[in-house]
Amino acid sequence: MNNEPHDTETRQERREKKLQKKRQRMQQHGKSLARIYMDAVMKRLKKK
């Protein structure tokens, strides 16, 4: 274990930051997937 005085961040705080970053990445990923899906649908509609 680290007993350094400047390491005051708790395990829970580090975990929350990590989860928050993960959620942000997922949101961005979801937006791009939605755009790809919409482009595919629009392309099919234009062909008809």
Protein backbone atom coordinates (compact mmCIF):
# COMPACT_ATOMS: atom_id res chain seq x y z
CA MET A 1 0.00 0.00 0.00
CA ASN A 2 1.01 3.59 -0.58
CA ASN A 3 1.49 5.64 2.54
CA GLU A 4 2.39 8.83 0.71
CA PRO A 5 0.74 11.97 2.15
CA HIS A 6 -0.28 13.43 -1.26
CA ASP A 7 -2.30 10.30 -2.13
CA THR A 8 -5.49 11.34 -0.33
CA GLU A 9 -7.89 10.09 -3.01
CA THR A 10 -9.85 7.12 -1.75
CA ARG A 11 -10.44 3.93 -3.65
CA GLN A 12 -14.12 4.83 -4.07
CA GLU A 13 -13.26 8.23 -5.58
CA ARG A 14 -10.90 6.66 -8.10
CA ARG A 15 -13.57 4.11 -8.97
CA GLU A 16 -16.19 6.82 -9.52
CA LYS A 17 -13.88 8.80 -11.82
CA LYS A 18 -13.12 5.66 -13.81
CA LEU A 19 -16.82 4.83 -14.19
CA GLN A 20 -17.62 8.39 -15.22
CA LYS A 21 -15.00 8.27 -17.99
CA LYS A 22 -16.38 4.91 -19.11
CA ARG A 23 -19.92 6.32 -19.32
CA GLN A 24 -18.72 9.30 -21.38
CA ARG A 25 -16.99 6.97 -23.83
CA MET A 26 -20.13 4.86 -24.13
CA GLN A 27 -22.31 7.91 -24.86
CA GLN A 28 -19.98 9.04 -27.63
CA HIS A 29 -19.88 5.55 -29.04
CA GLY A 30 -23.66 5.33 -29.01
CA LYS A 31 -24.04 8.59 -30.90
CA SER A 32 -21.74 7.47 -33.69
CA LEU A 33 -23.53 4.12 -33.94
CA ALA A 34 -26.87 5.90 -34.22
CA ARG A 35 -25.49 8.08 -37.02
CA ILE A 36 -24.19 5.02 -38.91
CA TYR A 37 -27.54 3.31 -38.54
CA MET A 38 -29.43 6.39 -39.77
CA ASP A 39 -27.10 6.73 -42.76
CA ALA A 40 -27.70 3.09 -43.71
CA VAL A 41 -31.48 3.50 -43.43
CA MET A 42 -31.48 6.70 -45.49
CA LYS A 43 -29.32 5.07 -48.16
CA ARG A 44 -31.79 2.18 -48.48
CA LEU A 45 -34.73 4.57 -48.71
CA LYS A 46 -33.05 6.55 -51.48
CA LYS A 47 -32.47 3.40 -53.56
CA LYS A 48 -36.20 2.59 -53.66
